[in-house]
N, C-alpha and C. Protein backbone atom coordinates (compact mmCIF):
# COMPACT_ATOMS: atom_id res chain seq x y z
N MET A 1 -4.11 -2.23 3.10
CA MET A 1 -3.90 -0.87 2.32
C MET A 1 -2.50 -0.34 3.19
N ALA A 2 -1.57 0.20 2.00
CA ALA A 2 -0.35 0.30 2.74
C ALA A 2 -0.24 2.07 2.41
N PHE A 3 0.54 2.64 3.21
CA PHE A 3 0.82 3.91 3.24
C PHE A 3 2.32 4.03 3.73
N ASN A 4 2.75 5.13 3.17
CA ASN A 4 4.08 5.68 3.79
C ASN A 4 3.94 6.15 5.16
N GLY A 5 4.79 5.99 6.20
CA GLY A 5 4.55 6.40 7.45
C GLY A 5 5.84 6.16 8.30
N ASP A 6 5.71 6.57 9.40
CA ASP A 6 6.90 6.37 10.64
C ASP A 6 6.18 5.55 11.68
N PHE A 7 7.21 4.63 12.28
CA PHE A 7 6.59 4.05 13.34
C PHE A 7 7.77 4.36 14.39
N THR A 8 7.02 4.70 15.73
CA THR A 8 7.97 5.22 16.51
C THR A 8 7.32 4.51 17.90
N PRO A 9 8.11 3.44 18.32
CA PRO A 9 8.10 2.73 19.60
C PRO A 9 8.24 3.86 20.74
N VAL A 10 7.34 3.24 21.88
CA VAL A 10 7.51 4.16 23.13
C VAL A 10 8.78 3.63 23.78
N LEU A 11 9.84 4.44 23.83
CA LEU A 11 10.81 4.30 24.54
C LEU A 11 10.65 4.76 26.17
N ALA A 12 10.60 3.82 27.12
CA ALA A 12 10.44 4.02 28.53
C ALA A 12 11.31 3.00 29.59
N LYS A 13 12.18 3.40 29.89
CA LYS A 13 13.09 2.31 30.65
C LYS A 13 12.23 1.64 31.93
N HIS A 14 11.61 2.90 32.43
CA HIS A 14 10.86 2.61 33.86
C HIS A 14 9.52 2.89 33.65
N THR A 15 8.75 2.10 33.94
CA THR A 15 7.18 2.56 33.60
C THR A 15 6.45 2.79 34.87
N LYS A 16 7.21 3.15 36.09
CA LYS A 16 6.63 3.84 37.21
C LYS A 16 5.96 5.00 37.13
N ASN A 17 6.28 6.11 36.42
CA ASN A 17 6.04 7.31 36.08
C ASN A 17 5.35 7.45 34.63
N VAL A 18 5.06 6.37 34.23
CA VAL A 18 4.70 6.57 32.61
C VAL A 18 3.11 6.59 32.65
N SER A 19 2.51 7.56 31.76
CA SER A 19 1.11 7.45 31.93
C SER A 19 0.61 6.81 30.46
N LEU A 20 0.05 5.69 30.41
CA LEU A 20 -0.41 5.36 29.37
C LEU A 20 -1.61 6.17 28.69
N VAL A 21 -2.17 6.85 29.59
CA VAL A 21 -3.26 7.70 28.65
C VAL A 21 -2.71 8.77 28.09
N ASP A 22 -1.24 9.34 28.64
CA ASP A 22 -0.76 10.33 27.76
C ASP A 22 0.02 9.83 26.54
N ILE A 23 0.55 8.56 26.71
CA ILE A 23 1.11 7.99 25.50
C ILE A 23 0.12 7.80 24.52
N LEU A 24 -1.10 7.30 24.76
CA LEU A 24 -1.93 6.80 23.83
C LEU A 24 -2.45 8.34 23.43
N ALA A 25 -2.63 9.46 24.13
CA ALA A 25 -3.12 10.56 23.72
C ALA A 25 -2.12 11.21 22.58
N VAL A 26 -0.81 11.24 22.72
CA VAL A 26 0.00 11.58 21.59
C VAL A 26 0.04 10.95 20.53
N GLY A 27 -0.20 9.43 20.62
CA GLY A 27 -0.16 8.50 19.53
C GLY A 27 -0.95 8.83 18.77
N VAL A 28 -2.39 9.04 19.31
CA VAL A 28 -3.56 9.40 18.62
C VAL A 28 -3.63 10.66 17.77
N ASP A 29 -3.00 11.83 18.58
CA ASP A 29 -2.81 12.84 17.82
C ASP A 29 -1.80 12.90 16.82
N ARG A 30 -0.71 12.13 16.62
CA ARG A 30 0.01 12.13 15.43
C ARG A 30 -0.59 11.55 14.48
N MET A 31 -1.20 10.42 14.99
CA MET A 31 -1.99 9.60 14.00
C MET A 31 -3.25 10.26 13.14
N GLN A 32 -3.64 11.33 13.71
CA GLN A 32 -4.69 12.16 13.06
C GLN A 32 -4.14 13.09 12.46
N ARG A 33 -2.82 13.54 12.64
CA ARG A 33 -2.45 14.59 11.92
C ARG A 33 -1.82 13.80 10.41
N ASN A 34 -1.87 12.62 10.25
CA ASN A 34 -1.40 12.04 9.29
C ASN A 34 -2.53 11.54 8.37
N PHE A 35 -3.91 11.71 8.83
CA PHE A 35 -4.89 11.12 8.04
C PHE A 35 -5.05 12.40 6.71
N GLU A 36 -4.79 13.39 6.69
CA GLU A 36 -5.02 14.50 5.22
C GLU A 36 -4.02 13.93 4.52
N PRO A 37 -2.71 13.80 4.92
CA PRO A 37 -2.14 13.21 3.65
C PRO A 37 -2.26 11.85 3.31
N MET A 38 -2.77 10.85 4.05
CA MET A 38 -3.19 9.70 3.65
C MET A 38 -4.58 9.85 2.51
N ARG A 39 -5.34 10.75 3.06
CA ARG A 39 -6.62 10.82 2.26
C ARG A 39 -6.35 11.27 0.93
N LYS A 40 -5.26 12.53 0.92
CA LYS A 40 -4.67 12.79 -0.44
C LYS A 40 -4.36 11.60 -1.11
N GLN A 41 -3.38 10.80 -0.81
CA GLN A 41 -3.02 9.68 -1.49
C GLN A 41 -3.71 8.85 -1.85
N VAL A 42 -4.77 8.32 -0.98
CA VAL A 42 -6.03 7.78 -1.54
C VAL A 42 -6.61 8.17 -2.74
N GLU A 43 -6.92 9.70 -2.88
CA GLU A 43 -7.63 10.02 -3.77
C GLU A 43 -6.81 10.61 -5.11
N ALA A 44 -5.62 10.45 -4.91
CA ALA A 44 -4.63 10.40 -6.28
C ALA A 44 -4.58 9.15 -6.70
N TRP A 45 -4.59 8.14 -5.80
CA TRP A 45 -4.72 6.71 -6.65
C TRP A 45 -5.50 6.32 -7.10
N LYS A 46 -6.67 6.66 -6.69
CA LYS A 46 -8.13 6.62 -7.25
C LYS A 46 -8.34 7.12 -8.49
N GLY A 47 -7.51 8.34 -8.98
CA GLY A 47 -7.62 8.91 -9.89
C GLY A 47 -6.61 8.62 -11.03
N THR A 48 -5.76 7.79 -10.69
CA THR A 48 -4.53 7.30 -11.47
C THR A 48 -5.34 5.90 -12.17
N ARG A 49 -5.44 6.25 -13.58
CA ARG A 49 -5.88 5.06 -14.29
C ARG A 49 -4.68 4.35 -14.84
N LEU A 50 -5.06 2.96 -14.88
CA LEU A 50 -3.68 2.03 -15.26
C LEU A 50 -4.22 1.30 -16.53
N PRO A 51 -3.39 1.62 -17.68
CA PRO A 51 -3.94 0.54 -18.61
C PRO A 51 -3.44 -0.89 -18.25
N ASP A 52 -4.17 -1.88 -18.77
CA ASP A 52 -4.05 -3.14 -18.25
C ASP A 52 -2.48 -3.75 -18.61
N GLU A 53 -1.93 -3.12 -19.49
CA GLU A 53 -0.48 -3.67 -19.88
C GLU A 53 0.44 -3.15 -18.71
N THR A 54 0.31 -1.88 -18.11
CA THR A 54 0.80 -1.32 -17.06
C THR A 54 0.66 -2.09 -16.00
N ALA A 55 -0.40 -2.35 -15.53
CA ALA A 55 -0.89 -3.23 -14.29
C ALA A 55 -0.07 -4.59 -14.52
N LYS A 56 -0.17 -4.95 -15.67
CA LYS A 56 0.45 -6.21 -15.57
C LYS A 56 2.02 -6.35 -15.25
N LEU A 57 2.59 -5.31 -16.13
CA LEU A 57 3.93 -5.15 -15.84
C LEU A 57 4.45 -4.54 -14.60
N ILE A 58 3.64 -4.16 -13.56
CA ILE A 58 4.06 -3.64 -12.36
C ILE A 58 3.85 -5.07 -11.61
N ILE A 59 2.88 -5.63 -11.76
CA ILE A 59 2.72 -7.23 -11.11
C ILE A 59 4.03 -8.25 -11.46
N TYR A 60 4.28 -8.02 -12.79
CA TYR A 60 5.77 -8.74 -13.24
C TYR A 60 6.81 -8.12 -12.50
N ARG A 61 6.76 -7.02 -12.49
CA ARG A 61 8.30 -6.18 -11.68
C ARG A 61 7.85 -6.60 -10.18
N ALA A 62 7.07 -6.56 -9.73
CA ALA A 62 6.86 -7.01 -7.93
C ALA A 62 7.49 -8.34 -7.67
N PHE A 63 6.93 -9.25 -8.53
CA PHE A 63 7.28 -10.65 -8.33
C PHE A 63 8.38 -11.51 -9.12
N VAL A 64 8.41 -11.08 -10.35
CA VAL A 64 9.31 -11.97 -11.13
C VAL A 64 10.73 -11.17 -11.03
N GLU A 65 10.71 -9.72 -11.09
CA GLU A 65 11.95 -8.90 -10.87
C GLU A 65 12.24 -8.78 -9.44
N ASP A 66 11.52 -9.46 -8.70
CA ASP A 66 11.90 -9.24 -7.33
C ASP A 66 12.08 -7.56 -6.67
N ASP A 67 11.05 -6.83 -7.33
CA ASP A 67 11.20 -5.56 -6.76
C ASP A 67 10.60 -5.00 -5.79
N LEU A 68 9.66 -6.17 -5.16
CA LEU A 68 8.81 -5.98 -3.85
C LEU A 68 9.07 -7.31 -3.16
N ASP A 69 9.25 -7.03 -1.98
CA ASP A 69 9.60 -7.86 -0.96
C ASP A 69 8.33 -8.72 -0.62
N ALA A 70 7.96 -9.49 -1.57
CA ALA A 70 6.79 -10.53 -1.10
C ALA A 70 7.02 -11.96 -1.85
N PRO A 71 6.14 -12.82 -1.39
CA PRO A 71 6.43 -13.94 -1.96
C PRO A 71 5.83 -14.09 -3.32
N LYS A 72 6.72 -14.87 -4.21
CA LYS A 72 6.15 -14.91 -5.42
C LYS A 72 4.98 -15.66 -5.65
N HIS A 73 4.43 -16.65 -4.96
CA HIS A 73 3.40 -17.45 -5.17
C HIS A 73 2.12 -16.47 -5.31
N LEU A 74 2.30 -15.29 -4.83
CA LEU A 74 0.99 -14.37 -4.78
C LEU A 74 0.68 -13.54 -5.93
N ALA A 75 1.61 -13.71 -6.92
CA ALA A 75 1.55 -13.10 -8.13
C ALA A 75 0.04 -13.54 -8.80
N ARG A 76 -0.39 -14.57 -8.84
CA ARG A 76 -1.45 -14.79 -9.54
C ARG A 76 -2.70 -14.37 -8.87
N ARG A 77 -2.60 -14.38 -7.43
CA ARG A 77 -3.86 -13.87 -6.55
C ARG A 77 -3.77 -12.38 -6.82
N VAL A 78 -2.65 -11.82 -6.91
CA VAL A 78 -2.80 -10.24 -7.20
C VAL A 78 -3.37 -9.91 -8.45
N HIS A 79 -3.08 -10.77 -9.55
CA HIS A 79 -3.31 -10.56 -10.79
C HIS A 79 -4.95 -10.92 -11.09
N ASP A 80 -5.53 -11.95 -10.24
CA ASP A 80 -6.69 -12.22 -10.46
C ASP A 80 -7.61 -11.19 -9.73
N GLN A 81 -7.17 -10.74 -8.45
CA GLN A 81 -7.98 -9.84 -7.44
C GLN A 81 -7.74 -8.32 -8.14
N TYR A 82 -7.15 -8.06 -9.19
CA TYR A 82 -7.16 -6.90 -9.89
C TYR A 82 -8.05 -6.79 -11.14
N PHE A 83 -7.93 -7.85 -11.93
CA PHE A 83 -8.40 -7.92 -12.92
C PHE A 83 -10.08 -8.53 -13.09
N ASN A 84 -10.33 -9.19 -11.84
CA ASN A 84 -11.52 -9.73 -11.56
C ASN A 84 -11.91 -9.43 -9.99
N PRO A 85 -12.03 -8.20 -9.77
CA PRO A 85 -12.25 -8.08 -8.36
C PRO A 85 -13.61 -8.28 -7.80
N GLN A 86 -13.67 -8.86 -6.59
CA GLN A 86 -14.86 -9.29 -6.04
C GLN A 86 -15.55 -8.10 -5.30
N VAL A 87 -14.88 -6.70 -5.13
CA VAL A 87 -15.59 -5.74 -4.47
C VAL A 87 -15.93 -4.61 -5.76
N PRO A 88 -17.05 -4.45 -5.93
CA PRO A 88 -17.42 -3.24 -6.86
C PRO A 88 -16.62 -1.98 -6.72
N GLU A 89 -16.19 -1.59 -5.69
CA GLU A 89 -15.36 -0.27 -5.42
C GLU A 89 -14.02 -0.38 -6.21
N PHE A 90 -13.70 -1.50 -6.44
CA PHE A 90 -12.33 -1.80 -6.92
C PHE A 90 -12.23 -2.05 -8.57
N THR A 91 -13.63 -1.98 -9.04
CA THR A 91 -13.68 -2.53 -10.49
C THR A 91 -12.77 -1.48 -11.21
N PRO A 92 -12.78 -0.31 -11.11
CA PRO A 92 -12.13 0.77 -12.21
C PRO A 92 -10.53 0.32 -11.93
N ARG A 93 -10.13 0.43 -13.06
CA ARG A 93 -8.48 -0.04 -13.48
C ARG A 93 -7.58 1.24 -13.01
N THR A 94 -7.41 1.49 -11.76
CA THR A 94 -6.71 2.62 -11.08
C THR A 94 -5.69 1.66 -10.16
N LEU A 95 -4.68 2.78 -9.66
CA LEU A 95 -3.48 2.49 -8.86
C LEU A 95 -4.13 2.18 -7.39
N TRP A 96 -5.20 2.79 -7.28
CA TRP A 96 -5.89 2.36 -5.78
C TRP A 96 -6.53 0.97 -5.83
N SER A 97 -7.01 0.27 -7.00
CA SER A 97 -7.58 -0.88 -7.21
C SER A 97 -6.02 -1.69 -7.07
N LEU A 98 -5.33 -1.39 -7.81
CA LEU A 98 -4.23 -2.39 -7.73
C LEU A 98 -3.49 -2.48 -6.55
N SER A 99 -3.40 -1.37 -5.87
CA SER A 99 -2.80 -1.56 -4.33
C SER A 99 -3.79 -2.52 -3.36
N ASN A 100 -5.09 -2.48 -3.77
CA ASN A 100 -5.96 -3.58 -2.76
C ASN A 100 -6.06 -4.69 -3.37
N ALA A 101 -5.40 -5.03 -4.61
CA ALA A 101 -5.14 -6.43 -4.97
C ALA A 101 -3.97 -6.83 -4.24
N PHE A 102 -3.23 -6.13 -4.33
CA PHE A 102 -1.80 -6.63 -3.66
C PHE A 102 -2.23 -6.92 -1.91
N THR A 103 -2.81 -5.97 -1.48
CA THR A 103 -2.92 -6.00 0.02
C THR A 103 -4.05 -7.30 0.42
N GLY A 104 -4.88 -7.37 -0.71
CA GLY A 104 -5.83 -8.66 -0.49
C GLY A 104 -5.02 -9.81 -0.50
N ALA A 105 -4.18 -9.95 -1.37
CA ALA A 105 -3.40 -11.03 -1.69
C ALA A 105 -2.43 -11.32 -0.30
N PHE A 106 -2.05 -10.31 -0.05
CA PHE A 106 -1.17 -10.27 1.27
C PHE A 106 -1.86 -10.90 2.51
N LYS A 107 -3.25 -10.68 2.50
CA LYS A 107 -4.09 -11.32 3.55
C LYS A 107 -3.80 -12.85 3.92
N ASP A 108 -2.99 -13.60 2.93
CA ASP A 108 -2.86 -15.23 2.95
C ASP A 108 -1.71 -15.35 3.67
N LEU A 109 -0.90 -14.24 3.75
CA LEU A 109 0.46 -14.42 4.70
C LEU A 109 0.12 -14.51 5.88
N ASP A 110 1.20 -15.19 6.77
CA ASP A 110 1.26 -15.07 8.32
C ASP A 110 1.78 -13.48 8.59
N PRO A 111 1.08 -13.10 9.81
CA PRO A 111 1.34 -11.71 10.36
C PRO A 111 2.83 -10.94 9.79
N ILE A 112 3.86 -11.71 10.17
CA ILE A 112 5.12 -10.99 9.95
C ILE A 112 5.49 -10.66 8.52
N PRO A 113 5.35 -11.64 7.65
CA PRO A 113 5.59 -11.50 6.31
C PRO A 113 4.51 -10.64 5.55
N GLN A 114 3.31 -10.58 6.18
CA GLN A 114 2.29 -9.83 5.76
C GLN A 114 2.67 -8.23 5.94
N PHE A 115 2.95 -7.89 7.30
CA PHE A 115 3.47 -6.80 7.66
C PHE A 115 4.77 -6.19 6.86
N LYS A 116 5.43 -7.01 6.62
CA LYS A 116 6.64 -6.83 5.87
C LYS A 116 6.38 -6.38 4.29
N ALA A 117 5.70 -7.03 3.71
CA ALA A 117 5.06 -6.88 2.42
C ALA A 117 4.41 -5.62 2.44
N THR A 118 3.42 -5.32 3.17
CA THR A 118 2.34 -4.39 3.13
C THR A 118 3.22 -3.02 3.54
N ALA A 119 4.15 -3.15 4.27
CA ALA A 119 5.23 -2.00 4.65
C ALA A 119 5.95 -1.39 3.31
N CYS A 120 6.24 -2.37 2.40
CA CYS A 120 7.27 -1.90 1.13
C CYS A 120 6.27 -1.68 0.14
N LEU A 121 4.99 -1.83 0.17
CA LEU A 121 3.99 -1.80 -0.90
C LEU A 121 4.07 -0.48 -1.59
N ALA A 122 3.53 0.63 -0.61
CA ALA A 122 3.29 2.00 -1.24
C ALA A 122 4.43 2.70 -1.81
N SER A 123 5.61 2.27 -1.30
CA SER A 123 6.98 3.06 -1.86
C SER A 123 7.18 2.26 -3.32
N PHE A 124 6.76 1.06 -3.37
CA PHE A 124 7.11 0.34 -4.49
C PHE A 124 6.06 0.80 -5.54
N LEU A 125 4.72 0.91 -5.25
CA LEU A 125 3.87 1.61 -6.03
C LEU A 125 4.14 3.12 -6.67
N GLU A 126 4.76 4.00 -5.64
CA GLU A 126 4.92 5.35 -6.10
C GLU A 126 6.58 5.19 -6.96
N VAL A 127 7.21 4.03 -6.77
CA VAL A 127 8.20 4.23 -7.66
C VAL A 127 7.87 3.84 -9.01
N ALA A 128 7.20 2.79 -9.09
CA ALA A 128 6.48 1.97 -10.31
C ALA A 128 5.89 2.92 -11.29
N THR A 129 5.30 3.95 -10.35
CA THR A 129 4.31 4.96 -11.19
C THR A 129 4.91 6.04 -11.41
N ALA A 130 5.86 6.33 -11.13
CA ALA A 130 6.86 7.63 -11.01
C ALA A 130 6.54 8.62 -12.13
N GLY A 131 6.42 9.93 -12.15
CA GLY A 131 6.16 10.56 -13.02
C GLY A 131 4.86 10.66 -13.64
N THR A 132 3.71 10.39 -13.11
CA THR A 132 2.35 10.30 -13.44
C THR A 132 1.51 11.22 -12.21
N SER A 133 0.59 11.92 -12.82
CA SER A 133 -0.31 12.81 -11.92
C SER A 133 -1.54 12.12 -11.88
N PRO A 134 -2.40 12.38 -11.04
CA PRO A 134 -3.78 11.55 -11.18
C PRO A 134 -4.64 12.11 -12.00
N ALA A 135 -4.31 13.02 -12.69
CA ALA A 135 -5.07 13.65 -13.89
C ALA A 135 -4.86 13.02 -15.31
N GLN A 136 -3.55 12.25 -15.21
CA GLN A 136 -3.08 11.64 -16.50
C GLN A 136 -3.28 10.17 -16.41
N SER A 137 -3.38 9.58 -17.35
CA SER A 137 -3.37 8.00 -17.42
C SER A 137 -1.89 7.62 -17.19
N VAL A 138 -1.75 6.41 -16.82
CA VAL A 138 -0.21 5.86 -16.72
C VAL A 138 -0.02 5.19 -17.90
N ALA A 139 0.95 5.61 -18.91
CA ALA A 139 1.32 5.10 -20.09
C ALA A 139 2.32 3.93 -19.71
N SER A 140 3.00 4.03 -18.91
CA SER A 140 4.22 2.97 -18.54
C SER A 140 4.43 3.11 -17.16
N ALA A 141 4.95 2.17 -16.60
CA ALA A 141 5.58 2.15 -15.32
C ALA A 141 7.01 2.34 -15.56
N SER A 142 7.70 3.15 -14.69
CA SER A 142 9.05 3.49 -14.86
C SER A 142 9.81 2.35 -14.12
């Protein structure tokens, strides 16, 4: 699963007075503050229906037009996981299901390429489906 977010490394030159407990507490607090926006994004994506032609166009743009930084050989895998999902929850033709098809295919990658592809996915899908609301069906990808 991919969401928009920030990555903040711990910047400490000297670790003598650094409290790992404090660093983790701040990190967990920041993470929990982002749960609500992530939950809303998931609900919006679950409510955004995709016609088959639109899903195919998004997959095409991702891999053939290189709009997503991901290896092209995953195109067939994304297509298969979206149109023939193995998990019943992903059966509805929604943006949520398409996102999960992408992230499922990314699991075949080594860790660093997997991270890079997953990090770009949310923004790619947002741009590809811009101008749609959860209550509307996506008529075409922009």
